[in-house]
C-alpha atoms as a PDB file:
ATOM      1  CA  MET A   1     159.564 -35.567 158.576  1.00  0.00           C
ATOM      2  CA  SER A   2     158.781 -32.255 156.971  1.00  0.00           C
ATOM      3  CA  ALA A   3     158.020 -28.684 157.798  1.00  0.00           C
ATOM      4  CA  ASN A   4     154.604 -27.184 157.120  1.00  0.00           C
ATOM      5  CA  ILE A   5     155.128 -26.024 153.534  1.00  0.00           C
ATOM      6  CA  LEU A   6     152.388 -24.029 151.832  1.00  0.00           C
ATOM      7  CA  VAL A   7     151.882 -24.386 148.075  1.00  0.00           C
ATOM      8  CA  ALA A   8     151.414 -21.084 146.292  1.00  0.00           C
ATOM      9  CA  ALA A   9     147.853 -21.055 144.986  1.00  0.00           C
ATOM     10  CA  ASN A  10     148.798 -19.130 141.861  1.00  0.00           C
ATOM     11  CA  SER A  11     151.734 -21.360 140.928  1.00  0.00           C
ATOM     12  CA  PRO A  12     151.512 -22.986 137.477  1.00  0.00           C
ATOM     13  CA  LEU A  13     152.678 -26.219 139.092  1.00  0.00           C
ATOM     14  CA  ALA A  14     150.107 -26.343 141.880  1.00  0.00           C
ATOM     15  CA  THR A  15     146.476 -27.372 141.842  1.00  0.00           C
ATOM     16  CA  ASP A  16     144.600 -28.312 145.025  1.00  0.00           C
ATOM     17  CA  GLY A  17     147.895 -28.453 146.881  1.00  0.00           C
ATOM     18  CA  SER A  18     149.581 -30.882 144.488  1.00  0.00           C
ATOM     19  CA  ILE A  19     151.914 -30.757 141.485  1.00  0.00           C
ATOM     20  CA  ARG A  20     149.907 -30.938 138.280  1.00  0.00           C
ATOM     21  CA  MET A  21     152.589 -30.712 135.598  1.00  0.00           C
ATOM     22  CA  TRP A  22     156.292 -31.412 135.150  1.00  0.00           C
ATOM     23  CA  LEU A  23     156.990 -30.605 131.513  1.00  0.00           C
ATOM     24  CA  PRO A  24     157.387 -27.020 130.257  1.00  0.00           C
ATOM     25  CA  LYS A  25     154.259 -25.173 129.170  1.00  0.00           C
ATOM     26  CA  SER A  26     153.761 -24.174 125.563  1.00  0.00           C
ATOM     27  CA  ALA A  27     153.922 -20.394 125.283  1.00  0.00           C
ATOM     28  CA  PRO A  28     154.069 -17.852 122.456  1.00  0.00           C
ATOM     29  CA  MET A  29     157.400 -16.137 121.828  1.00  0.00           C
ATOM     30  CA  THR A  30     156.170 -12.774 123.023  1.00  0.00           C
ATOM     31  CA  PRO A  31     157.458 -10.663 125.907  1.00  0.00           C
ATOM     32  CA  VAL A  32     156.084 -11.708 129.288  1.00  0.00           C
ATOM     33  CA  ALA A  33     154.310  -8.873 131.106  1.00  0.00           C
ATOM     34  CA  LEU A  34     155.974  -8.318 134.481  1.00  0.00           C
ATOM     35  CA  ALA A  35     154.087  -6.788 137.384  1.00  0.00           C
ATOM     36  CA  PRO A  36     155.584  -3.821 139.272  1.00  0.00           C
ATOM     37  CA  LEU A  37     157.768  -4.905 142.172  1.00  0.00           C
ATOM     38  CA  PRO A  38     157.350  -3.718 145.752  1.00  0.00           C
ATOM     39  CA  SER A  39     160.324  -1.912 147.259  1.00  0.00           C
ATOM     40  CA  GLN A  40     161.258  -5.054 149.218  1.00  0.00           C
ATOM     41  CA  PRO A  41     160.175  -7.996 147.050  1.00  0.00           C
ATOM     42  CA  LEU A  42     160.098 -11.465 148.572  1.00  0.00           C
ATOM     43  CA  ILE A  43     163.008 -13.542 147.228  1.00  0.00           C
ATOM     44  CA  SER A  44     162.292 -17.280 147.165  1.00  0.00           C
ATOM     45  CA  ILE A  45     165.184 -19.722 146.831  1.00  0.00           C
ATOM     46  CA  VAL A  46     164.617 -23.376 145.964  1.00  0.00           C
ATOM     47  CA  VAL A  47     167.294 -25.771 147.271  1.00  0.00           C
ATOM     48  CA  PRO A  48     167.073 -29.321 145.865  1.00  0.00           C
ATOM     49  CA  SER A  49     169.018 -31.790 147.989  1.00  0.00           C
ATOM     50  CA  PHE A  50     170.007 -35.431 148.231  1.00  0.00           C
ATOM     51  CA  ASN A  51     172.758 -36.756 150.516  1.00  0.00           C
ATOM     52  CA  GLN A  52     174.510 -33.384 150.681  1.00  0.00           C
ATOM     53  CA  GLY A  53     174.645 -33.210 154.467  1.00  0.00           C
ATOM     54  CA  ARG A  54     178.321 -32.269 154.351  1.00  0.00           C
ATOM     55  CA  TYR A  55     177.558 -29.039 152.500  1.00  0.00           C
ATOM     56  CA  ILE A  56     173.925 -28.038 152.981  1.00  0.00           C
ATOM     57  CA  ARG A  57     174.464 -26.119 156.233  1.00  0.00           C
ATOM     58  CA  ALA A  58     176.905 -23.785 154.475  1.00  0.00           C
ATOM     59  CA  THR A  59     174.334 -23.308 151.697  1.00  0.00           C
ATOM     60  CA  ILE A  60     171.499 -22.420 154.058  1.00  0.00           C
ATOM     61  CA  ASP A  61     173.710 -20.232 156.260  1.00  0.00           C
ATOM     62  CA  SER A  62     174.869 -18.289 153.194  1.00  0.00           C
ATOM     63  CA  ILE A  63     171.208 -17.402 152.546  1.00  0.00           C
ATOM     64  CA  LEU A  64     170.163 -16.695 156.123  1.00  0.00           C
ATOM     65  CA  SER A  65     173.209 -14.452 156.649  1.00  0.00           C
ATOM     66  CA  GLN A  66     172.245 -12.169 153.749  1.00  0.00           C
ATOM     67  CA  ASP A  67     171.522  -8.577 154.759  1.00  0.00           C
ATOM     68  CA  TYR A  68     168.154  -8.781 153.019  1.00  0.00           C
ATOM     69  CA  ARG A  69     164.608  -9.646 153.999  1.00  0.00           C
ATOM     70  CA  PRO A  70     161.995 -10.921 153.234  1.00  0.00           C
ATOM     71  CA  LEU A  71     163.288 -14.377 152.314  1.00  0.00           C
ATOM     72  CA  GLN A  72     161.781 -17.773 151.644  1.00  0.00           C
ATOM     73  CA  ILE A  73     164.065 -20.826 151.531  1.00  0.00           C
ATOM     74  CA  VAL A  74     162.402 -23.981 150.212  1.00  0.00           C
ATOM     75  CA  VAL A  75     164.542 -27.112 150.679  1.00  0.00           C
ATOM     76  CA  ILE A  76     163.257 -30.165 148.798  1.00  0.00           C
ATOM     77  CA  ASP A  77     165.233 -33.178 149.981  1.00  0.00           C
ATOM     78  CA  GLY A  78     164.876 -36.517 148.225  1.00  0.00           C
ATOM     79  CA  GLY A  79     164.892 -38.650 151.367  1.00  0.00           C
ATOM     80  CA  SER A  80     168.586 -38.358 152.168  1.00  0.00           C
ATOM     81  CA  ARG A  81     170.199 -41.164 154.132  1.00  0.00           C
ATOM     82  CA  ASP A  82     173.087 -39.076 155.476  1.00  0.00           C
ATOM     83  CA  GLU A  83     172.998 -36.270 158.045  1.00  0.00           C
ATOM     84  CA  THR A  84     170.938 -33.893 155.859  1.00  0.00           C
ATOM     85  CA  VAL A  85     167.683 -34.253 157.809  1.00  0.00           C
ATOM     86  CA  ALA A  86     169.492 -33.734 161.127  1.00  0.00           C
ATOM     87  CA  VAL A  87     171.003 -30.521 159.737  1.00  0.00           C
ATOM     88  CA  LEU A  88     167.577 -29.298 158.615  1.00  0.00           C
ATOM     89  CA  GLN A  89     166.017 -30.154 161.964  1.00  0.00           C
ATOM     90  CA  SER A  90     168.730 -28.183 163.748  1.00  0.00           C
ATOM     91  CA  TYR A  91     167.317 -24.908 162.382  1.00  0.00           C
ATOM     92  CA  GLY A  92     164.153 -25.378 164.421  1.00  0.00           C
ATOM     93  CA  SER A  93     161.270 -23.109 163.459  1.00  0.00           C
ATOM     94  CA  ILE A  94     163.169 -20.359 161.630  1.00  0.00           C
ATOM     95  CA  PRO A  95     160.363 -18.681 159.644  1.00  0.00           C
ATOM     96  CA  GLU A  96     162.401 -18.187 156.471  1.00  0.00           C
ATOM     97  CA  LEU A  97     163.157 -21.913 156.121  1.00  0.00           C
ATOM     98  CA  GLU A  98     160.663 -24.511 154.866  1.00  0.00           C
ATOM     99  CA  TRP A  99     161.717 -28.049 154.074  1.00  0.00           C
ATOM    100  CA  THR A 100     160.494 -31.504 153.240  1.00  0.00           C
ATOM    101  CA  SER A 101     162.306 -34.847 152.942  1.00  0.00           C
ATOM    102  CA  GLU A 102     160.738 -37.670 150.953  1.00  0.00           C
ATOM    103  CA  PRO A 103     161.771 -39.897 148.033  1.00  0.00           C
ATOM    104  CA  ASP A 104     161.537 -38.351 144.585  1.00  0.00           C
ATOM    105  CA  ARG A 105     162.575 -39.084 141.008  1.00  0.00           C
ATOM    106  CA  GLY A 106     165.613 -36.824 141.128  1.00  0.00           C
ATOM    107  CA  VAL A 107     166.669 -33.201 141.001  1.00  0.00           C
ATOM    108  CA  VAL A 108     164.219 -32.154 138.272  1.00  0.00           C
ATOM    109  CA  GLU A 109     161.213 -33.302 140.278  1.00  0.00           C
ATOM    110  CA  ALA A 110     162.700 -31.698 143.398  1.00  0.00           C
ATOM    111  CA  VAL A 111     163.100 -28.319 141.703  1.00  0.00           C
ATOM    112  CA  ASN A 112     159.590 -28.467 140.268  1.00  0.00           C
ATOM    113  CA  LYS A 113     158.210 -29.282 143.718  1.00  0.00           C
ATOM    114  CA  GLY A 114     160.060 -26.227 144.965  1.00  0.00           C
ATOM    115  CA  PHE A 115     158.641 -24.069 142.171  1.00  0.00           C
ATOM    116  CA  ALA A 116     155.147 -25.117 143.268  1.00  0.00           C
ATOM    117  CA  ARG A 117     155.847 -23.721 146.733  1.00  0.00           C
ATOM    118  CA  VAL A 118     157.525 -20.394 146.007  1.00  0.00           C
ATOM    119  CA  ARG A 119     155.640 -17.230 146.931  1.00  0.00           C
ATOM    120  CA  GLY A 120     158.255 -14.632 146.028  1.00  0.00           C
ATOM    121  CA  GLU A 121     158.284 -12.129 143.197  1.00  0.00           C
ATOM    122  CA  ILE A 122     161.925 -13.111 142.543  1.00  0.00           C
ATOM    123  CA  VAL A 123     163.004 -16.756 142.416  1.00  0.00           C
ATOM    124  CA  ALA A 124     166.322 -18.596 142.390  1.00  0.00           C
ATOM    125  CA  ILE A 125     167.594 -22.184 142.464  1.00  0.00           C
ATOM    126  CA  GLN A 126     170.603 -22.893 144.648  1.00  0.00           C
ATOM    127  CA  SER A 127     172.343 -26.268 144.726  1.00  0.00           C
ATOM    128  CA  SER A 128     172.765 -27.769 148.185  1.00  0.00           C
ATOM    129  CA  ASP A 129     176.560 -27.666 147.846  1.00  0.00           C
ATOM    130  CA  ASP A 130     176.865 -24.069 146.582  1.00  0.00           C
ATOM    131  CA  CYS A 131     176.668 -20.748 148.459  1.00  0.00           C
ATOM    132  CA  TYR A 132     175.757 -17.107 147.974  1.00  0.00           C
ATOM    133  CA  LEU A 133     178.349 -14.435 148.647  1.00  0.00           C
ATOM    134  CA  PRO A 134     177.619 -11.626 151.158  1.00  0.00           C
ATOM    135  CA  GLY A 135     175.467  -8.852 149.733  1.00  0.00           C
ATOM    136  CA  ALA A 136     174.252 -10.929 146.787  1.00  0.00           C
ATOM    137  CA  LEU A 137     170.524 -10.521 147.430  1.00  0.00           C
ATOM    138  CA  VAL A 138     170.693  -6.750 147.938  1.00  0.00           C
ATOM    139  CA  THR A 139     172.465  -6.502 144.577  1.00  0.00           C
ATOM    140  CA  VAL A 140     169.773  -8.658 142.987  1.00  0.00           C
ATOM    141  CA  ARG A 141     166.966  -6.571 144.507  1.00  0.00           C
ATOM    142  CA  ASP A 142     168.530  -3.339 143.277  1.00  0.00           C
ATOM    143  CA  GLU A 143     168.993  -4.649 139.741  1.00  0.00           C
ATOM    144  CA  PHE A 144     165.392  -5.810 139.387  1.00  0.00           C
ATOM    145  CA  LEU A 145     164.044  -2.562 140.830  1.00  0.00           C
ATOM    146  CA  SER A 146     166.173  -0.534 138.420  1.00  0.00           C
ATOM    147  CA  ASP A 147     164.637  -2.131 135.310  1.00  0.00           C
ATOM    148  CA  SER A 148     160.969  -3.105 135.229  1.00  0.00           C
ATOM    149  CA  GLU A 149     161.463  -5.210 132.083  1.00  0.00           C
ATOM    150  CA  LEU A 150     164.243  -7.359 133.535  1.00  0.00           C
ATOM    151  CA  GLY A 151     163.152 -10.999 133.788  1.00  0.00           C
ATOM    152  CA  LEU A 152     166.399 -12.973 134.211  1.00  0.00           C
ATOM    153  CA  LEU A 153     169.497 -11.692 135.985  1.00  0.00           C
ATOM    154  CA  TYR A 154     172.785 -13.449 136.616  1.00  0.00           C
ATOM    155  CA  GLY A 155     176.299 -12.666 137.752  1.00  0.00           C
ATOM    156  CA  ASP A 156     179.691 -14.278 138.083  1.00  0.00           C
ATOM    157  CA  THR A 157     180.571 -17.185 140.344  1.00  0.00           C
ATOM    158  CA  VAL A 158     183.708 -18.148 142.282  1.00  0.00           C
ATOM    159  CA  LYS A 159     184.940 -21.721 141.954  1.00  0.00           C
ATOM    160  CA  VAL A 160     185.854 -23.368 145.278  1.00  0.00           C
ATOM    161  CA  ASP A 161     186.993 -26.858 146.238  1.00  0.00           C
ATOM    162  CA  ALA A 162     185.160 -29.356 148.448  1.00  0.00           C
ATOM    163  CA  ASP A 163     186.443 -27.584 151.571  1.00  0.00           C
ATOM    164  CA  GLY A 164     185.377 -24.133 150.375  1.00  0.00           C
ATOM    165  CA  ARG A 165     188.855 -22.904 149.406  1.00  0.00           C
ATOM    166  CA  GLU A 166     188.885 -20.627 146.377  1.00  0.00           C
ATOM    167  CA  VAL A 167     190.222 -22.304 143.248  1.00  0.00           C
ATOM    168  CA  ALA A 168     189.530 -19.743 140.520  1.00  0.00           C
ATOM    169  CA  ARG A 169     187.450 -16.745 139.545  1.00  0.00           C
ATOM    170  CA  HIS A 170     186.928 -15.069 136.207  1.00  0.00           C
ATOM    171  CA  ARG A 171     184.404 -12.815 134.543  1.00  0.00           C
ATOM    172  CA  ILE A 172     181.827 -14.552 132.409  1.00  0.00           C
ATOM    173  CA  ALA A 173     181.609 -13.068 128.897  1.00  0.00           C
ATOM    174  CA  PRO A 174     178.782 -10.625 128.092  1.00  0.00           C
ATOM    175  CA  TYR A 175     175.335 -12.011 127.425  1.00  0.00           C
ATOM    176  CA  SER A 176     173.616 -12.449 124.106  1.00  0.00           C
ATOM    177  CA  LEU A 177     171.521 -15.366 122.913  1.00  0.00           C
ATOM    178  CA  LEU A 178     174.042 -15.974 120.134  1.00  0.00           C
ATOM    179  CA  ASN A 179     176.897 -16.038 122.648  1.00  0.00           C
ATOM    180  CA  LEU A 180     174.903 -18.456 124.795  1.00  0.00           C
ATOM    181  CA  PHE A 181     174.316 -20.869 121.900  1.00  0.00           C
ATOM    182  CA  ARG A 182     177.950 -20.609 120.780  1.00  0.00           C
ATOM    183  CA  LEU A 183     179.087 -21.372 124.352  1.00  0.00           C
ATOM    184  CA  GLN A 184     180.971 -18.090 124.458  1.00  0.00           C
ATOM    185  CA  THR A 185     179.081 -17.293 127.650  1.00  0.00           C
ATOM    186  CA  TRP A 186     176.968 -19.234 130.118  1.00  0.00           C
ATOM    187  CA  ILE A 187     174.420 -18.661 132.877  1.00  0.00           C
ATOM    188  CA  PRO A 188     175.580 -20.209 136.161  1.00  0.00           C
ATOM    189  CA  GLN A 189     172.639 -21.534 138.133  1.00  0.00           C
ATOM    190  CA  PRO A 190     174.135 -20.489 141.525  1.00  0.00           C
ATOM    191  CA  SER A 191     174.172 -16.842 140.385  1.00  0.00           C
ATOM    192  CA  ALA A 192     170.865 -16.685 138.479  1.00  0.00           C
ATOM    193  CA  PHE A 193     167.599 -15.016 139.594  1.00  0.00           C
ATOM    194  CA  PHE A 194     164.334 -14.571 137.702  1.00  0.00           C
ATOM    195  CA  ARG A 195     160.828 -13.159 137.991  1.00  0.00           C
ATOM    196  CA  ARG A 196     158.149 -15.584 139.133  1.00  0.00           C
ATOM    197  CA  GLU A 197     155.812 -14.587 136.277  1.00  0.00           C
ATOM    198  CA  LEU A 198     158.090 -16.502 133.929  1.00  0.00           C
ATOM    199  CA  LEU A 199     157.231 -19.730 135.739  1.00  0.00           C
ATOM    200  CA  ASP A 200     153.544 -18.903 135.421  1.00  0.00           C
ATOM    201  CA  ILE A 201     153.971 -18.725 131.640  1.00  0.00           C
ATOM    202  CA  LEU A 202     156.666 -21.321 130.949  1.00  0.00           C
ATOM    203  CA  GLY A 203     156.282 -23.955 133.657  1.00  0.00           C
ATOM    204  CA  GLY A 204     159.242 -25.663 135.295  1.00  0.00           C
ATOM    205  CA  TRP A 205     162.161 -27.924 134.507  1.00  0.00           C
ATOM    206  CA  ASP A 206     161.867 -30.615 131.833  1.00  0.00           C
ATOM    207  CA  GLU A 207     162.139 -34.185 133.149  1.00  0.00           C
ATOM    208  CA  ARG A 208     163.112 -35.424 129.679  1.00  0.00           C
ATOM    209  CA  ILE A 209     166.499 -33.692 129.960  1.00  0.00           C
ATOM    210  CA  PRO A 210     167.660 -34.228 133.570  1.00  0.00           C
ATOM    211  CA  TYR A 211     171.221 -33.107 132.794  1.00  0.00           C
ATOM    212  CA  ALA A 212     170.326 -29.843 131.042  1.00  0.00           C
ATOM    213  CA  PRO A 213     167.087 -28.535 132.621  1.00  0.00           C
ATOM    214  CA  ASP A 214     168.523 -25.269 133.928  1.00  0.00           C
ATOM    215  CA  THR A 215     169.987 -24.263 130.551  1.00  0.00           C
ATOM    216  CA  ASP A 216     166.705 -25.194 128.895  1.00  0.00           C
ATOM    217  CA  LEU A 217     164.762 -22.939 131.259  1.00  0.00           C
ATOM    218  CA  TRP A 218     167.175 -20.027 130.724  1.00  0.00           C
ATOM    219  CA  ILE A 219     166.796 -20.354 126.949  1.00  0.00           C
ATOM    220  CA  ARG A 220     163.006 -20.476 127.130  1.00  0.00           C
ATOM    221  CA  MET A 221     163.124 -17.351 129.280  1.00  0.00           C
ATOM    222  CA  ALA A 222     165.567 -15.621 126.946  1.00  0.00           C
ATOM    223  CA  PHE A 223     163.079 -15.783 124.062  1.00  0.00           C
ATOM    224  CA  ARG A 224     160.475 -13.957 126.167  1.00  0.00           C
ATOM    225  CA  THR A 225     162.155 -11.533 128.548  1.00  0.00           C
ATOM    226  CA  LEU A 226     165.068  -9.193 129.060  1.00  0.00           C
ATOM    227  CA  VAL A 227     168.195 -11.021 130.244  1.00  0.00           C
ATOM    228  CA  LYS A 228     171.027  -9.162 131.940  1.00  0.00           C
ATOM    229  CA  LYS A 229     174.470 -10.227 133.067  1.00  0.00           C
ATOM    230  CA  ARG A 230     175.909  -8.233 135.987  1.00  0.00           C
ATOM    231  CA  ASP A 231     179.700  -8.105 136.427  1.00  0.00           C
ATOM    232  CA  VAL A 232     179.657  -8.986 140.108  1.00  0.00           C
ATOM    233  CA  TYR A 233     180.413 -12.210 141.975  1.00  0.00           C
ATOM    234  CA  LEU A 234     177.203 -13.489 143.524  1.00  0.00           C
ATOM    235  CA  SER A 235     177.991 -17.084 144.466  1.00  0.00           C
ATOM    236  CA  GLN A 236     180.501 -19.815 145.185  1.00  0.00           C
ATOM    237  CA  ARG A 237     180.315 -22.948 143.044  1.00  0.00           C
ATOM    238  CA  ARG A 238     181.740 -25.960 144.858  1.00  0.00           C
ATOM    239  CA  MET A 239     183.707 -28.524 142.831  1.00  0.00           C
ATOM    240  CA  HIS A 240     183.857 -32.125 144.035  1.00  0.00           C
ATOM    241  CA  GLY A 241     183.698 -35.648 142.659  1.00  0.00           C
ATOM    242  CA  GLU A 242     179.993 -36.268 143.342  1.00  0.00           C
ATOM    243  CA  GLN A 243     178.751 -33.470 141.070  1.00  0.00           C
ATOM    244  CA  ARG A 244     176.484 -33.990 138.103  1.00  0.00           C
ATOM    245  CA  ASP A 245     178.981 -31.981 136.031  1.00  0.00           C
ATOM    246  CA  THR A 246     181.173 -35.094 135.958  1.00  0.00           C
ATOM    247  CA  GLN A 247     178.548 -36.927 133.826  1.00  0.00           C
ATOM    248  CA  ALA A 248     179.890 -35.728 130.465  1.00  0.00           C
ATOM    249  CA  ALA A 249     178.065 -38.209 128.207  1.00  0.00           C
ATOM    250  CA  LYS A 250     174.686 -37.523 129.835  1.00  0.00           C
ATOM    251  CA  ILE A 251     175.190 -33.753 129.691  1.00  0.00           C
ATOM    252  CA  ILE A 252     176.037 -33.981 125.986  1.00  0.00           C
ATOM    253  CA  ARG A 253     173.020 -36.231 125.328  1.00  0.00           C
ATOM    254  CA  ASP A 254     170.532 -33.991 127.122  1.00  0.00           C
ATOM    255  CA  TYR A 255     171.915 -30.723 125.755  1.00  0.00           C
ATOM    256  CA  SER A 256     171.541 -32.046 122.204  1.00  0.00           C
ATOM    257  CA  LEU A 257     168.004 -33.223 122.931  1.00  0.00           C
ATOM    258  CA  MET A 258     167.188 -29.829 124.404  1.00  0.00           C
ATOM    259  CA  ILE A 259     168.261 -28.080 121.198  1.00  0.00           C
ATOM    260  CA  ASP A 260     166.493 -30.543 118.898  1.00  0.00           C
ATOM    261  CA  GLN A 261     163.148 -30.550 120.744  1.00  0.00           C
ATOM    262  CA  SER A 262     162.908 -26.778 121.299  1.00  0.00           C
ATOM    263  CA  PRO A 263     160.024 -25.182 119.362  1.00  0.00           C
ATOM    264  CA  ASP A 264     161.496 -21.768 120.196  1.00  0.00           C
ATOM    265  CA  ILE A 265     164.790 -22.540 118.464  1.00  0.00           C
ATOM    266  CA  ALA A 266     162.978 -24.116 115.518  1.00  0.00           C
ATOM    267  CA  ALA A 267     160.955 -20.919 115.063  1.00  0.00           C
ATOM    268  CA  SER A 268     163.904 -18.536 115.514  1.00  0.00           C
ATOM    269  CA  SER A 269     166.144 -16.881 112.938  1.00  0.00           C
ATOM    270  CA  ARG A 270     168.469 -18.853 110.704  1.00  0.00           C
ATOM    271  CA  GLU A 271     171.468 -17.378 112.525  1.00  0.00           C
ATOM    272  CA  LEU A 272     170.206 -18.535 115.923  1.00  0.00           C
ATOM    273  CA  ARG A 273     169.333 -21.994 114.609  1.00  0.00           C
ATOM    274  CA  ALA A 274     172.818 -22.371 113.144  1.00  0.00           C
ATOM    275  CA  ALA A 275     174.449 -21.232 116.383  1.00  0.00           C
ATOM    276  CA  ALA A 276     172.327 -23.664 118.404  1.00  0.00           C
ATOM    277  CA  GLN A 277     173.352 -26.588 116.192  1.00  0.00           C
ATOM    278  CA  ALA A 278     176.997 -25.527 116.411  1.00  0.00           C
ATOM    279  CA  GLY A 279     176.663 -25.426 120.189  1.00  0.00           C
ATOM    280  CA  LYS A 280     175.880 -29.147 120.256  1.00  0.00           C
ATOM    281  CA  HIS A 281     179.332 -29.815 118.783  1.00  0.00           C
ATOM    282  CA  LEU A 282     181.070 -27.183 120.902  1.00  0.00           C
ATOM    283  CA  LEU A 283     179.702 -28.863 124.022  1.00  0.00           C
ATOM    284  CA  ARG A 284     181.306 -32.117 122.902  1.00  0.00           C
ATOM    285  CA  LEU A 285     184.520 -30.184 122.452  1.00  0.00           C
ATOM    286  CA  ARG A 286     184.240 -28.757 125.978  1.00  0.00           C
ATOM    287  CA  TYR A 287     183.515 -32.046 127.751  1.00  0.00           C
ATOM    288  CA  ASN A 288     185.295 -34.384 125.303  1.00  0.00           C
ATOM    289  CA  PRO A 289     184.422 -37.706 126.996  1.00  0.00           C
ATOM    290  CA  SER A 290     187.006 -39.554 124.861  1.00  0.00           C
ATOM    291  CA  GLY A 291     189.896 -37.211 125.718  1.00  0.00           C
ATOM    292  CA  SER A 292     190.946 -37.412 122.079  1.00  0.00           C
ATOM    293  CA  ASP A 293     192.312 -34.420 120.164  1.00  0.00           C
ATOM    294  CA  TRP A 294     190.922 -35.924 116.970  1.00  0.00           C
ATOM    295  CA  TYR A 295     187.451 -36.114 118.566  1.00  0.00           C
ATOM    296  CA  ALA A 296     187.740 -32.444 119.556  1.00  0.00           C
ATOM    297  CA  ALA A 297     188.958 -31.429 116.106  1.00  0.00           C
ATOM    298  CA  TRP A 298     186.145 -33.304 114.382  1.00  0.00           C
ATOM    299  CA  HIS A 299     183.434 -31.604 116.429  1.00  0.00           C
ATOM    300  CA  LEU A 300     185.104 -28.236 116.035  1.00  0.00           C
ATOM    301  CA  LEU A 301     184.978 -28.782 112.289  1.00  0.00           C
ATOM    302  CA  GLN A 302     181.298 -29.726 112.511  1.00  0.00           C
ATOM    303  CA  ALA A 303     180.557 -26.641 114.610  1.00  0.00           C
ATOM    304  CA  GLY A 304     182.160 -24.429 111.973  1.00  0.00           C
ATOM    305  CA  LEU A 305     180.183 -26.092 109.205  1.00  0.00           C
ATOM    306  CA  CYS A 306     176.976 -25.341 111.131  1.00  0.00           C
ATOM    307  CA  ASP A 307     178.003 -21.795 112.032  1.00  0.00           C
ATOM    308  CA  PRO A 308     181.171 -20.382 110.384  1.00  0.00           C
ATOM    309  CA  ALA A 309     181.308 -17.632 113.028  1.00  0.00           C
ATOM    310  CA  CYS A 310     182.540 -20.302 115.452  1.00  0.00           C
ATOM    311  CA  TRP A 311     185.801 -20.498 113.486  1.00  0.00           C
ATOM    312  CA  ASN A 312     186.554 -16.871 114.292  1.00  0.00           C
ATOM    313  CA  ARG A 313     187.184 -17.744 117.900  1.00  0.00           C
ATOM    314  CA  ARG A 314     190.728 -17.478 119.199  1.00  0.00           C
ATOM    315  CA  GLY A 315     192.855 -20.567 118.730  1.00  0.00           C
ATOM    316  CA  ILE A 316     190.461 -22.392 116.406  1.00  0.00           C
ATOM    317  CA  ALA A 317     193.014 -23.155 113.679  1.00  0.00           C
ATOM    318  CA  ARG A 318     195.501 -24.446 116.229  1.00  0.00           C
ATOM    319  CA  SER A 319     192.875 -26.589 117.926  1.00  0.00           C
ATOM    320  CA  LEU A 320     191.573 -27.977 114.664  1.00  0.00           C
ATOM    321  CA  PHE A 321     194.817 -28.854 112.933  1.00  0.00           C
ATOM    322  CA  TRP A 322     197.959 -28.381 114.960  1.00  0.00           C
ATOM    323  CA  MET A 323     197.124 -29.845 118.366  1.00  0.00           C
ATOM    324  CA  PRO A 324     196.289 -33.380 117.130  1.00  0.00           C
ATOM    325  CA  VAL A 325     199.365 -33.392 114.879  1.00  0.00           C
ATOM    326  CA  ARG A 326     201.572 -32.160 117.703  1.00  0.00           C
ATOM    327  CA  ARG A 327     200.230 -34.886 120.000  1.00  0.00           C
ATOM    328  CA  VAL A 328     201.101 -37.568 117.435  1.00  0.00           C
ATOM    329  CA  LEU A 329     204.559 -36.084 116.805  1.00  0.00           C
ATOM    330  CA  SER A 330     205.176 -35.883 120.538  1.00  0.00           C
ATOM    331  CA  ARG A 331     204.260 -39.526 121.020  1.00  0.00           C
ATOM    332  CA  GLY A 332     206.421 -40.520 118.071  1.00  0.00           C
ATOM    333  CA  LYS A 333     209.315 -38.553 119.521  1.00  0.00           C
ATOM    334  CA  GLN A 334     208.921 -40.283 122.865  1.00  0.00           C
ATOM    335  CA  ILE A 335     208.901 -43.701 121.207  1.00  0.00           C
ATOM    336  CA  LEU A 336     211.897 -42.867 119.018  1.00  0.00           C
ATOM    337  CA  PHE A 337     214.033 -41.449 121.810  1.00  0.00           C
ATOM    338  CA  GLY A 338     212.920 -44.236 124.093  1.00  0.00           C
ATOM    339  CA  LYS A 339     214.268 -46.779 121.627  1.00  0.00           C
ATOM    340  CA  ARG A 340     217.533 -44.852 121.260  1.00  0.00           C
ATOM    341  CA  ARG A 341     218.006 -44.702 125.011  1.00  0.00           C
ATOM    342  CA  ALA A 342     217.245 -48.387 125.261  1.00  0.00           C
ATOM    343  CA  GLY A 343     219.759 -49.100 122.475  1.00  0.00           C
ATOM    344  CA  ARG A 344     222.470 -47.079 124.219  1.00  0.00           C
ATOM    345  CA  ALA A 345     221.697 -48.811 127.475  1.00  0.00           C
ATOM    346  CA  SER A 346     222.157 -52.205 125.811  1.00  0.00           C
ATOM    347  CA  LEU A 347     225.684 -51.218 124.674  1.00  0.00           C
ATOM    348  CA  THR A 348     226.714 -50.171 128.176  1.00  0.00           C
ATOM    349  CA  PRO A 349     229.106 -52.757 129.738  1.00  0.00           C
END
């Protein structure tokens, strides 16, 4: 069952009411011309979903409760088998909410289907287990209206547990493309908003990299528009065991492929290319699927060989040399003292 969802006629992903492309569009690395915004631009939010019935009501409510209109919420559900459809049906005919539920090939196809349906001048992607904080959309509107060249805006995000209890919050480091490649900053999808013209030029998410499509889109945008990071908390990012973030090996694989296949990175400056290659190793350091200090040290070394600026980061020398040695010494100490304690125990009458 689905709502009556209209496909935007001027969407790059829509032709005769159907999706016509999934891969990114080839585009020159020149600034994208952005049209003037109305005083109250339509904000369209794409919500991909699959078996997230436990969380999706909180996601939708966090959008509907915003003190901002006009809104368009486009939920693309992949044929969930839990209570998701019942939750969507419970909203009745709320005009801001459009949804469909049918099998798809995964989150990348779902997001691209959503892109084909958005009508707003400002677009966002919100996971079906994350939420916006109160006042987020007014802040976003004000930022885009204050700078006509702004194409991609993002803010900070609060980490919460499965039950919505706050776990941690911190300020994300300032934006620059170099900082992004060196993993010194990042663009959280739950707190990111962008102008729809960028989709018209660049297309949607890349199905070849299902575990890095959002980062890929941000980077393609960054080569063609003004990116701004706002020091304000815009969203809650829910942490639980079913998240894609737990797929370390696949994230590493797709991030590396993203860097290697990017024509924008290949055509960029030597400094940016070096930082992008270093980032492939720094991502391995961050996720470290082996849990080994030696694995981390090796990839930190490789990152520094690609981009020596990476070695200027705090704690690099300790991470590279001392931490693996300390781990070995600690294990040796445990073995040694364990044997001594066992020896003393054997002498006890």
